[in-house]
Amino acid sequence: MSHLSWGLLFVIPVVIVLLVLLGIHPLVSITLLGQVLLTSQVTIPTLAIALALNVGGALSYLVSPFEGAIVLISDLADVPPTTVAIKYNGWFGLWFLLLSTVVIYFFTN
């Protein structure tokens, strides 16, 4: 993991979202991933890791088809939850991920 260095700021939220899409709760994935990262030999500050974990949590609630608000909106719009989560919130989530990664990099560097 030490070879990724600042690339971890992008990888951490993506891994959290992938785990959420597999059905693992965001708080569980953030806790487990945070413990692994904080005990490993990474070269980025712990504040950057914590902020990336928070971005991953926010992003996972945005694009998870299992989230209560997504299910409610899909029921009201009469579309599947995956359509709301991926199609409607996907572009916003991608821009949120990219901008958050840049902000974290400049904030902690």
C-alpha atoms as a PDB file:
ATOM      1  CA  MET A   1       0.000   0.000   0.000  1.00  0.00           C
ATOM      2  CA  SER A   2       2.929   2.334   0.510  1.00  0.00           C
ATOM      3  CA  HIS A   3       3.476   2.414  -3.264  1.00  0.00           C
ATOM      4  CA  LEU A   4       0.088   4.045  -3.828  1.00  0.00           C
ATOM      5  CA  SER A   5       0.839   6.984  -1.509  1.00  0.00           C
ATOM      6  CA  TRP A   6      -1.500   9.842  -2.460  1.00  0.00           C
ATOM      7  CA  GLY A   7      -3.434   7.581  -4.825  1.00  0.00           C
ATOM      8  CA  LEU A   8      -5.007   6.097  -1.702  1.00  0.00           C
ATOM      9  CA  LEU A   9      -7.126   9.245  -1.427  1.00  0.00           C
ATOM     10  CA  PHE A  10      -8.975   8.073  -4.519  1.00  0.00           C
ATOM     11  CA  VAL A  11      -8.829   4.328  -3.793  1.00  0.00           C
ATOM     12  CA  ILE A  12     -10.233   4.461  -0.239  1.00  0.00           C
ATOM     13  CA  PRO A  13     -13.679   5.899  -1.151  1.00  0.00           C
ATOM     14  CA  VAL A  14     -13.961   3.608  -4.176  1.00  0.00           C
ATOM     15  CA  VAL A  15     -13.270   0.530  -2.030  1.00  0.00           C
ATOM     16  CA  ILE A  16     -15.859   1.646   0.522  1.00  0.00           C
ATOM     17  CA  VAL A  17     -18.474   2.137  -2.213  1.00  0.00           C
ATOM     18  CA  LEU A  18     -17.691  -1.282  -3.695  1.00  0.00           C
ATOM     19  CA  LEU A  19     -18.082  -2.911  -0.288  1.00  0.00           C
ATOM     20  CA  VAL A  20     -21.402  -1.115   0.207  1.00  0.00           C
ATOM     21  CA  LEU A  21     -22.620  -2.300  -3.186  1.00  0.00           C
ATOM     22  CA  LEU A  22     -21.828  -5.832  -2.018  1.00  0.00           C
ATOM     23  CA  GLY A  23     -24.119  -5.277   0.976  1.00  0.00           C
ATOM     24  CA  ILE A  24     -21.666  -4.425   3.760  1.00  0.00           C
ATOM     25  CA  HIS A  25     -22.808  -1.498   5.913  1.00  0.00           C
ATOM     26  CA  PRO A  26     -20.733   1.691   5.421  1.00  0.00           C
ATOM     27  CA  LEU A  27     -19.838   2.032   9.094  1.00  0.00           C
ATOM     28  CA  VAL A  28     -18.465  -1.506   9.167  1.00  0.00           C
ATOM     29  CA  SER A  29     -16.394  -1.014   6.023  1.00  0.00           C
ATOM     30  CA  ILE A  30     -15.069   2.361   7.225  1.00  0.00           C
ATOM     31  CA  THR A  31     -14.078   0.912  10.589  1.00  0.00           C
ATOM     32  CA  LEU A  32     -12.347  -2.126   9.140  1.00  0.00           C
ATOM     33  CA  LEU A  33     -10.592  -0.223   6.371  1.00  0.00           C
ATOM     34  CA  GLY A  34      -9.542   2.507   8.788  1.00  0.00           C
ATOM     35  CA  GLN A  35      -7.994   0.001  11.169  1.00  0.00           C
ATOM     36  CA  VAL A  36      -6.072  -1.657   8.346  1.00  0.00           C
ATOM     37  CA  LEU A  37      -4.807   1.636   6.931  1.00  0.00           C
ATOM     38  CA  LEU A  38      -3.804   3.191  10.234  1.00  0.00           C
ATOM     39  CA  THR A  39      -1.727   0.150  11.197  1.00  0.00           C
ATOM     40  CA  SER A  40      -0.008  -0.152   7.805  1.00  0.00           C
ATOM     41  CA  GLN A  41       3.042   1.656   6.463  1.00  0.00           C
ATOM     42  CA  VAL A  42       1.366   4.428   4.476  1.00  0.00           C
ATOM     43  CA  THR A  43       3.173   7.677   3.776  1.00  0.00           C
ATOM     44  CA  ILE A  44       0.210  10.041   3.799  1.00  0.00           C
ATOM     45  CA  PRO A  45      -1.009  11.844   6.934  1.00  0.00           C
ATOM     46  CA  THR A  46      -3.646  10.209   9.105  1.00  0.00           C
ATOM     47  CA  LEU A  47      -5.869  13.267   8.631  1.00  0.00           C
ATOM     48  CA  ALA A  48      -5.938  12.585   4.888  1.00  0.00           C
ATOM     49  CA  ILE A  49      -6.880   8.960   5.537  1.00  0.00           C
ATOM     50  CA  ALA A  50      -9.662  10.020   7.921  1.00  0.00           C
ATOM     51  CA  LEU A  51     -11.029  12.543   5.422  1.00  0.00           C
ATOM     52  CA  ALA A  52     -10.936   9.972   2.619  1.00  0.00           C
ATOM     53  CA  LEU A  53     -12.843   7.539   4.840  1.00  0.00           C
ATOM     54  CA  ASN A  54     -15.477  10.230   5.466  1.00  0.00           C
ATOM     55  CA  VAL A  55     -15.771  10.921   1.745  1.00  0.00           C
ATOM     56  CA  GLY A  56     -16.217   7.200   1.144  1.00  0.00           C
ATOM     57  CA  GLY A  57     -18.972   7.070   3.742  1.00  0.00           C
ATOM     58  CA  ALA A  58     -20.825  10.030   2.278  1.00  0.00           C
ATOM     59  CA  LEU A  59     -20.426   8.654  -1.217  1.00  0.00           C
ATOM     60  CA  SER A  60     -21.650   5.226  -0.178  1.00  0.00           C
ATOM     61  CA  TYR A  61     -24.844   6.683   1.245  1.00  0.00           C
ATOM     62  CA  LEU A  62     -25.279   8.583  -2.021  1.00  0.00           C
ATOM     63  CA  VAL A  63     -24.994   5.638  -4.422  1.00  0.00           C
ATOM     64  CA  SER A  64     -26.154   2.686  -2.334  1.00  0.00           C
ATOM     65  CA  PRO A  65     -29.406   1.134  -3.561  1.00  0.00           C
ATOM     66  CA  PHE A  66     -29.959  -0.173  -0.005  1.00  0.00           C
ATOM     67  CA  GLU A  67     -30.126   3.321   1.562  1.00  0.00           C
ATOM     68  CA  GLY A  68     -33.535   4.278   2.948  1.00  0.00           C
ATOM     69  CA  ALA A  69     -33.778   7.632   1.162  1.00  0.00           C
ATOM     70  CA  ILE A  70     -32.870   6.014  -2.156  1.00  0.00           C
ATOM     71  CA  VAL A  71     -35.537   3.348  -1.672  1.00  0.00           C
ATOM     72  CA  LEU A  72     -38.118   6.014  -0.787  1.00  0.00           C
ATOM     73  CA  ILE A  73     -37.277   8.150  -3.830  1.00  0.00           C
ATOM     74  CA  SER A  74     -37.355   5.107  -6.100  1.00  0.00           C
ATOM     75  CA  ASP A  75     -40.781   4.179  -4.744  1.00  0.00           C
ATOM     76  CA  LEU A  76     -42.102   7.696  -5.295  1.00  0.00           C
ATOM     77  CA  ALA A  77     -40.634   7.909  -8.803  1.00  0.00           C
ATOM     78  CA  ASP A  78     -41.687   4.321  -9.601  1.00  0.00           C
ATOM     79  CA  VAL A  79     -38.203   3.292 -10.735  1.00  0.00           C
ATOM     80  CA  PRO A  80     -35.817   0.661  -9.341  1.00  0.00           C
ATOM     81  CA  PRO A  81     -33.478   1.760  -6.515  1.00  0.00           C
ATOM     82  CA  THR A  82     -30.425   0.996  -8.652  1.00  0.00           C
ATOM     83  CA  THR A  83     -31.649   3.506 -11.234  1.00  0.00           C
ATOM     84  CA  VAL A  84     -31.881   6.243  -8.625  1.00  0.00           C
ATOM     85  CA  ALA A  85     -28.586   5.334  -6.982  1.00  0.00           C
ATOM     86  CA  ILE A  86     -26.413   4.804 -10.052  1.00  0.00           C
ATOM     87  CA  LYS A  87     -28.080   6.680 -12.915  1.00  0.00           C
ATOM     88  CA  TYR A  88     -29.400   9.729 -11.097  1.00  0.00           C
ATOM     89  CA  ASN A  89     -26.766  10.108  -8.371  1.00  0.00           C
ATOM     90  CA  GLY A  90     -23.838   8.569 -10.240  1.00  0.00           C
ATOM     91  CA  TRP A  91     -22.520  11.683 -11.991  1.00  0.00           C
ATOM     92  CA  PHE A  92     -22.852  13.777  -8.870  1.00  0.00           C
ATOM     93  CA  GLY A  93     -21.049  11.080  -6.906  1.00  0.00           C
ATOM     94  CA  LEU A  94     -18.220  10.944  -9.434  1.00  0.00           C
ATOM     95  CA  TRP A  95     -17.720  14.723  -9.338  1.00  0.00           C
ATOM     96  CA  PHE A  96     -17.962  14.663  -5.550  1.00  0.00           C
ATOM     97  CA  LEU A  97     -15.246  12.001  -5.419  1.00  0.00           C
ATOM     98  CA  LEU A  98     -12.916  13.864  -7.771  1.00  0.00           C
ATOM     99  CA  LEU A  99     -13.333  17.263  -6.117  1.00  0.00           C
ATOM    100  CA  SER A 100     -13.062  15.824  -2.615  1.00  0.00           C
ATOM    101  CA  THR A 101      -9.853  14.008  -3.520  1.00  0.00           C
ATOM    102  CA  VAL A 102      -8.305  17.221  -4.846  1.00  0.00           C
ATOM    103  CA  VAL A 103      -9.435  19.228  -1.812  1.00  0.00           C
ATOM    104  CA  ILE A 104      -8.087  16.626   0.625  1.00  0.00           C
ATOM    105  CA  TYR A 105      -4.764  16.542  -1.211  1.00  0.00           C
ATOM    106  CA  PHE A 106      -4.308  20.319  -1.079  1.00  0.00           C
ATOM    107  CA  PHE A 107      -5.713  20.616   2.443  1.00  0.00           C
ATOM    108  CA  THR A 108      -3.358  18.054   3.978  1.00  0.00           C
ATOM    109  CA  ASN A 109      -0.281  18.581   1.835  1.00  0.00           C
END
